[in-house]
């Protein structure tokens, strides 16, 4: 069971990037998938979340600029980022969570994909 993130890169301020994260080794649809980021010298912070029912939530600083979406059948989550700012730079991690019942849970992280925003 693993998450594979991709799509990071170098972009100028004001530009766009689309991150993808695909889960493998899972034969059920994941309840919650989301994105976190970590800038150098800072703690990891939550960015956006999408539930299997289609509900989405965003950290305030990315509202209106970032859009999270997912393909439930493929257990893949995307993060479309527009109007990028230098402060958006960092390692972006995808996260997946499902309550499996009977005390079990799926709680896994991807390896991170680097986003660099030049001013």
N, C-alpha and C. Protein backbone atom coordinates (compact mmCIF):
# COMPACT_ATOMS: atom_id res chain seq x y z
N UNK A 1 0.86 -1.18 0.00
CA UNK A 1 0.00 0.00 0.00
C UNK A 1 0.89 1.23 0.00
N UNK A 2 0.71 2.07 -1.00
CA UNK A 2 1.53 3.27 -1.04
C UNK A 2 0.84 4.36 -1.83
N UNK A 3 1.30 5.59 -1.59
CA UNK A 3 0.86 6.76 -2.33
C UNK A 3 2.04 7.27 -3.15
N UNK A 4 1.80 7.57 -4.40
CA UNK A 4 2.84 8.08 -5.28
C UNK A 4 2.43 9.46 -5.77
N UNK A 5 3.16 10.47 -5.33
CA UNK A 5 2.85 11.84 -5.71
C UNK A 5 3.74 12.29 -6.86
N UNK A 6 3.22 13.16 -7.69
CA UNK A 6 3.99 13.69 -8.81
C UNK A 6 3.43 15.05 -9.21
N UNK A 7 4.17 15.73 -10.08
CA UNK A 7 3.68 16.99 -10.63
C UNK A 7 4.37 18.22 -10.12
N UNK A 8 5.23 18.09 -9.13
CA UNK A 8 5.94 19.26 -8.64
C UNK A 8 6.92 19.79 -9.67
N UNK A 9 7.42 20.98 -9.42
CA UNK A 9 8.38 21.57 -10.34
C UNK A 9 8.65 23.01 -10.00
N UNK A 10 9.34 23.67 -10.90
CA UNK A 10 9.69 25.09 -10.75
C UNK A 10 8.72 25.92 -11.59
N UNK A 11 8.15 26.93 -10.98
CA UNK A 11 7.22 27.79 -11.68
C UNK A 11 7.42 29.22 -11.21
N UNK A 12 7.16 30.16 -12.08
CA UNK A 12 7.24 31.57 -11.70
C UNK A 12 6.01 31.95 -10.87
N UNK A 13 6.18 32.95 -10.05
CA UNK A 13 5.04 33.47 -9.29
C UNK A 13 3.92 33.85 -10.25
N UNK A 14 2.72 33.46 -9.89
CA UNK A 14 1.57 33.69 -10.75
C UNK A 14 1.25 32.52 -11.65
N UNK A 15 2.15 31.56 -11.69
CA UNK A 15 1.96 30.40 -12.55
C UNK A 15 1.12 29.32 -11.91
N UNK A 16 1.02 28.19 -12.61
CA UNK A 16 0.17 27.09 -12.18
C UNK A 16 0.93 25.77 -12.22
N UNK A 17 0.49 24.87 -11.37
CA UNK A 17 0.98 23.49 -11.37
C UNK A 17 -0.18 22.59 -10.98
N UNK A 18 -0.11 21.34 -11.42
CA UNK A 18 -1.11 20.35 -11.04
C UNK A 18 -0.40 19.15 -10.44
N UNK A 19 -0.68 18.87 -9.20
CA UNK A 19 -0.11 17.73 -8.52
C UNK A 19 -1.08 16.56 -8.60
N UNK A 20 -0.51 15.37 -8.65
CA UNK A 20 -1.30 14.15 -8.65
C UNK A 20 -0.77 13.20 -7.58
N UNK A 21 -1.65 12.38 -7.06
CA UNK A 21 -1.24 11.38 -6.08
C UNK A 21 -2.12 10.16 -6.25
N UNK A 22 -1.49 9.05 -6.56
CA UNK A 22 -2.23 7.82 -6.81
C UNK A 22 -1.91 6.79 -5.73
N UNK A 23 -2.95 6.17 -5.23
CA UNK A 23 -2.80 5.10 -4.25
C UNK A 23 -2.76 3.77 -4.96
N UNK A 24 -1.91 2.89 -4.50
CA UNK A 24 -1.83 1.56 -5.08
C UNK A 24 -1.86 0.52 -3.96
N UNK A 25 -2.28 -0.67 -4.33
CA UNK A 25 -2.35 -1.74 -3.34
C UNK A 25 -3.58 -1.67 -2.46
N UNK A 26 -4.59 -0.88 -2.90
CA UNK A 26 -5.82 -0.73 -2.12
C UNK A 26 -7.00 -1.09 -3.01
N UNK A 27 -7.88 -1.95 -2.49
CA UNK A 27 -8.99 -2.41 -3.32
C UNK A 27 -10.32 -1.84 -2.87
N UNK A 28 -10.29 -0.69 -2.21
CA UNK A 28 -11.51 -0.02 -1.82
C UNK A 28 -11.30 1.48 -2.00
N UNK A 29 -12.38 2.25 -2.07
CA UNK A 29 -12.26 3.70 -2.23
C UNK A 29 -11.91 4.33 -0.88
N UNK A 30 -10.92 5.19 -0.90
CA UNK A 30 -10.41 5.81 0.32
C UNK A 30 -11.34 6.92 0.78
N UNK A 31 -11.64 6.96 2.06
CA UNK A 31 -12.56 7.96 2.60
C UNK A 31 -12.05 9.39 2.41
N UNK A 32 -10.86 9.65 2.84
CA UNK A 32 -10.33 11.01 2.82
C UNK A 32 -8.96 11.02 2.14
N UNK A 33 -8.78 11.94 1.23
CA UNK A 33 -7.47 12.16 0.62
C UNK A 33 -7.19 13.66 0.64
N UNK A 34 -5.95 13.98 0.89
CA UNK A 34 -5.65 15.40 1.01
C UNK A 34 -4.20 15.70 0.75
N UNK A 35 -3.90 16.97 0.89
CA UNK A 35 -2.54 17.48 0.64
C UNK A 35 -2.06 18.30 1.83
N UNK A 36 -0.79 18.13 2.14
CA UNK A 36 -0.09 18.93 3.13
C UNK A 36 1.15 19.48 2.45
N UNK A 37 1.75 20.47 3.08
CA UNK A 37 3.01 20.99 2.55
C UNK A 37 3.94 21.37 3.70
N UNK A 38 5.22 21.37 3.37
CA UNK A 38 6.22 21.74 4.37
C UNK A 38 7.28 22.58 3.71
N UNK A 39 7.38 23.82 4.16
CA UNK A 39 8.42 24.72 3.67
C UNK A 39 9.68 24.50 4.49
N UNK A 40 10.85 24.84 3.94
CA UNK A 40 12.10 24.66 4.68
C UNK A 40 12.06 25.36 6.02
N UNK A 41 12.41 24.64 7.07
CA UNK A 41 12.46 25.22 8.39
C UNK A 41 11.12 25.39 9.07
N UNK A 42 10.06 24.91 8.43
CA UNK A 42 8.73 25.06 9.01
C UNK A 42 8.07 23.70 9.19
N UNK A 43 7.02 23.70 10.00
CA UNK A 43 6.29 22.46 10.22
C UNK A 43 5.38 22.16 9.04
N UNK A 44 5.07 20.89 8.91
CA UNK A 44 4.13 20.49 7.87
C UNK A 44 2.76 21.07 8.19
N UNK A 45 2.09 21.60 7.16
CA UNK A 45 0.77 22.18 7.36
C UNK A 45 -0.22 21.60 6.37
N UNK A 46 -1.44 21.55 6.82
CA UNK A 46 -2.52 21.04 6.00
C UNK A 46 -2.88 22.06 4.92
N UNK A 47 -3.19 21.58 3.71
CA UNK A 47 -3.52 22.46 2.60
C UNK A 47 -4.97 22.26 2.14
N UNK A 48 -5.33 21.03 1.87
CA UNK A 48 -6.67 20.77 1.34
C UNK A 48 -7.04 19.32 1.58
N UNK A 49 -8.37 19.08 1.58
CA UNK A 49 -8.87 17.73 1.83
C UNK A 49 -10.10 17.48 0.97
N UNK A 50 -10.24 16.24 0.54
CA UNK A 50 -11.42 15.83 -0.21
C UNK A 50 -11.94 14.51 0.35
N UNK A 51 -13.24 14.45 0.60
CA UNK A 51 -13.83 13.21 1.09
C UNK A 51 -14.44 12.42 -0.07
N UNK A 52 -14.70 11.16 0.20
CA UNK A 52 -15.25 10.31 -0.84
C UNK A 52 -16.63 10.80 -1.27
N UNK A 53 -17.31 11.52 -0.40
CA UNK A 53 -18.62 12.06 -0.73
C UNK A 53 -18.56 13.35 -1.52
N UNK A 54 -17.35 13.86 -1.76
CA UNK A 54 -17.21 15.06 -2.58
C UNK A 54 -17.03 16.35 -1.80
N UNK A 55 -17.02 16.27 -0.50
CA UNK A 55 -16.83 17.48 0.29
C UNK A 55 -15.34 17.88 0.25
N UNK A 56 -15.10 19.18 0.10
CA UNK A 56 -13.74 19.68 0.06
C UNK A 56 -13.54 20.79 1.08
N UNK A 57 -12.32 20.88 1.57
CA UNK A 57 -11.96 21.93 2.52
C UNK A 57 -10.57 22.44 2.18
N UNK A 58 -10.36 23.73 2.43
CA UNK A 58 -9.08 24.35 2.09
C UNK A 58 -8.56 25.20 3.23
N UNK A 59 -7.26 25.24 3.33
CA UNK A 59 -6.62 26.17 4.23
C UNK A 59 -6.87 27.57 3.69
N UNK A 60 -7.04 28.53 4.59
CA UNK A 60 -7.48 29.86 4.15
C UNK A 60 -6.60 30.49 3.09
N UNK A 61 -5.29 30.34 3.20
CA UNK A 61 -4.39 31.06 2.29
C UNK A 61 -4.46 30.53 0.85
N UNK A 62 -5.05 29.35 0.64
CA UNK A 62 -5.10 28.79 -0.71
C UNK A 62 -6.51 28.83 -1.31
N UNK A 63 -7.48 29.24 -0.51
CA UNK A 63 -8.86 29.30 -1.01
C UNK A 63 -8.94 30.23 -2.21
N UNK A 64 -9.62 29.76 -3.24
CA UNK A 64 -9.77 30.55 -4.46
C UNK A 64 -8.63 30.38 -5.44
N UNK A 65 -7.53 29.77 -5.00
CA UNK A 65 -6.38 29.56 -5.89
C UNK A 65 -6.12 28.09 -6.14
N UNK A 66 -6.37 27.26 -5.16
CA UNK A 66 -6.13 25.82 -5.28
C UNK A 66 -7.46 25.08 -5.38
N UNK A 67 -7.46 24.01 -6.15
CA UNK A 67 -8.65 23.17 -6.26
C UNK A 67 -8.24 21.71 -6.11
N UNK A 68 -8.87 21.04 -5.15
CA UNK A 68 -8.61 19.63 -4.96
C UNK A 68 -9.72 18.83 -5.63
N UNK A 69 -9.34 17.77 -6.28
CA UNK A 69 -10.32 16.89 -6.92
C UNK A 69 -9.79 15.46 -6.82
N UNK A 70 -10.67 14.52 -7.11
CA UNK A 70 -10.24 13.13 -7.00
C UNK A 70 -11.03 12.24 -7.93
N UNK A 71 -10.40 11.14 -8.25
CA UNK A 71 -11.04 10.07 -9.01
C UNK A 71 -11.16 8.90 -8.06
N UNK A 72 -12.36 8.72 -7.52
CA UNK A 72 -12.55 7.70 -6.50
C UNK A 72 -12.25 6.30 -7.02
N UNK A 73 -12.60 6.05 -8.26
CA UNK A 73 -12.38 4.72 -8.82
C UNK A 73 -10.89 4.39 -8.90
N UNK A 74 -10.09 5.42 -9.10
CA UNK A 74 -8.64 5.22 -9.23
C UNK A 74 -7.89 5.55 -7.94
N UNK A 75 -8.65 5.97 -6.91
CA UNK A 75 -7.99 6.39 -5.67
C UNK A 75 -6.86 7.38 -5.95
N UNK A 76 -7.17 8.35 -6.77
CA UNK A 76 -6.20 9.36 -7.15
C UNK A 76 -6.74 10.73 -6.77
N UNK A 77 -5.89 11.54 -6.17
CA UNK A 77 -6.27 12.90 -5.79
C UNK A 77 -5.38 13.88 -6.53
N UNK A 78 -5.95 15.00 -6.91
CA UNK A 78 -5.24 16.04 -7.64
C UNK A 78 -5.29 17.35 -6.88
N UNK A 79 -4.31 18.17 -7.11
CA UNK A 79 -4.33 19.53 -6.56
C UNK A 79 -3.93 20.48 -7.68
N UNK A 80 -4.91 21.21 -8.18
CA UNK A 80 -4.64 22.23 -9.18
C UNK A 80 -4.31 23.53 -8.45
N UNK A 81 -3.12 24.04 -8.70
CA UNK A 81 -2.66 25.24 -8.01
C UNK A 81 -2.49 26.36 -9.03
N UNK A 82 -3.14 27.48 -8.79
CA UNK A 82 -3.04 28.64 -9.68
C UNK A 82 -2.58 29.84 -8.88
N UNK A 83 -2.16 30.86 -9.59
CA UNK A 83 -1.70 32.09 -8.95
C UNK A 83 -0.72 31.79 -7.83
N UNK A 84 0.25 30.97 -8.13
CA UNK A 84 1.19 30.54 -7.11
C UNK A 84 2.04 31.71 -6.61
N UNK A 85 2.32 31.65 -5.32
CA UNK A 85 3.12 32.67 -4.66
C UNK A 85 4.38 32.01 -4.11
N UNK A 86 5.43 32.80 -3.89
CA UNK A 86 6.66 32.22 -3.31
C UNK A 86 6.40 31.48 -2.00
N UNK A 87 5.43 31.97 -1.23
CA UNK A 87 5.15 31.31 0.05
C UNK A 87 4.41 29.98 -0.10
N UNK A 88 4.02 29.62 -1.31
CA UNK A 88 3.44 28.31 -1.57
C UNK A 88 4.50 27.23 -1.77
N UNK A 89 5.74 27.64 -1.87
CA UNK A 89 6.80 26.68 -2.15
C UNK A 89 7.01 25.71 -0.99
N UNK A 90 7.43 24.50 -1.34
CA UNK A 90 7.72 23.50 -0.32
C UNK A 90 7.52 22.10 -0.86
N UNK A 91 7.70 21.16 0.03
CA UNK A 91 7.41 19.77 -0.30
C UNK A 91 5.93 19.52 -0.05
N UNK A 92 5.25 19.02 -1.07
CA UNK A 92 3.83 18.73 -0.96
C UNK A 92 3.64 17.22 -0.79
N UNK A 93 2.94 16.87 0.27
CA UNK A 93 2.70 15.48 0.60
C UNK A 93 1.22 15.17 0.45
N UNK A 94 0.92 14.03 -0.12
CA UNK A 94 -0.46 13.59 -0.12
C UNK A 94 -0.67 12.62 1.04
N UNK A 95 -1.91 12.57 1.48
CA UNK A 95 -2.27 11.77 2.64
C UNK A 95 -3.59 11.07 2.37
N UNK A 96 -3.69 9.86 2.85
CA UNK A 96 -4.93 9.09 2.68
C UNK A 96 -5.34 8.49 4.01
N UNK A 97 -6.66 8.55 4.26
CA UNK A 97 -7.18 8.00 5.51
C UNK A 97 -8.52 7.32 5.26
N UNK A 98 -8.66 6.16 5.85
CA UNK A 98 -9.94 5.48 5.87
C UNK A 98 -10.10 4.75 7.20
N UNK A 99 -11.28 4.84 7.75
CA UNK A 99 -11.64 4.05 8.93
C UNK A 99 -12.09 2.68 8.43
N UNK A 100 -11.36 1.65 8.81
CA UNK A 100 -11.65 0.31 8.30
C UNK A 100 -12.63 -0.46 9.17
N UNK A 101 -13.01 0.18 10.29
CA UNK A 101 -13.90 -0.50 11.22
C UNK A 101 -13.14 -1.47 12.12
N UNK A 102 -13.78 -1.86 13.21
CA UNK A 102 -13.17 -2.79 14.16
C UNK A 102 -11.82 -2.28 14.66
N UNK A 103 -11.69 -0.97 14.76
CA UNK A 103 -10.46 -0.37 15.26
C UNK A 103 -9.35 -0.22 14.26
N UNK A 104 -9.56 -0.70 13.05
CA UNK A 104 -8.52 -0.60 12.05
C UNK A 104 -8.62 0.68 11.24
N UNK A 105 -7.54 1.13 10.71
CA UNK A 105 -7.55 2.33 9.88
C UNK A 105 -6.41 2.30 8.87
N UNK A 106 -6.65 3.00 7.77
CA UNK A 106 -5.61 3.24 6.78
C UNK A 106 -5.16 4.67 6.97
N UNK A 107 -3.89 4.89 7.18
CA UNK A 107 -3.37 6.24 7.43
C UNK A 107 -1.97 6.29 6.83
N UNK A 108 -1.88 6.76 5.59
CA UNK A 108 -0.60 6.69 4.88
C UNK A 108 -0.25 8.02 4.22
N UNK A 109 1.06 8.21 4.00
CA UNK A 109 1.60 9.42 3.39
C UNK A 109 2.36 9.07 2.12
N UNK A 110 2.31 9.98 1.18
CA UNK A 110 3.14 9.88 0.00
C UNK A 110 4.53 10.40 0.29
N UNK A 111 5.40 10.33 -0.71
CA UNK A 111 6.80 10.66 -0.50
C UNK A 111 7.11 12.13 -0.63
N UNK A 112 6.18 12.94 -1.09
CA UNK A 112 6.43 14.36 -1.25
C UNK A 112 6.89 14.70 -2.65
N UNK A 113 6.37 15.79 -3.15
CA UNK A 113 6.80 16.33 -4.45
C UNK A 113 7.11 17.80 -4.26
N UNK A 114 8.23 18.24 -4.80
CA UNK A 114 8.74 19.58 -4.51
C UNK A 114 8.15 20.63 -5.44
N UNK A 115 7.64 21.68 -4.84
CA UNK A 115 7.13 22.84 -5.57
C UNK A 115 8.03 24.03 -5.26
N UNK A 116 8.58 24.62 -6.30
CA UNK A 116 9.44 25.80 -6.16
C UNK A 116 8.81 26.94 -6.94
N UNK A 117 8.66 28.07 -6.27
CA UNK A 117 8.03 29.24 -6.91
C UNK A 117 9.03 30.38 -6.90
N UNK A 118 9.41 30.82 -8.07
CA UNK A 118 10.37 31.91 -8.16
C UNK A 118 9.63 33.25 -8.23
N UNK A 119 10.23 34.23 -7.59
CA UNK A 119 9.58 35.57 -7.56
C UNK A 119 10.04 36.44 -8.71
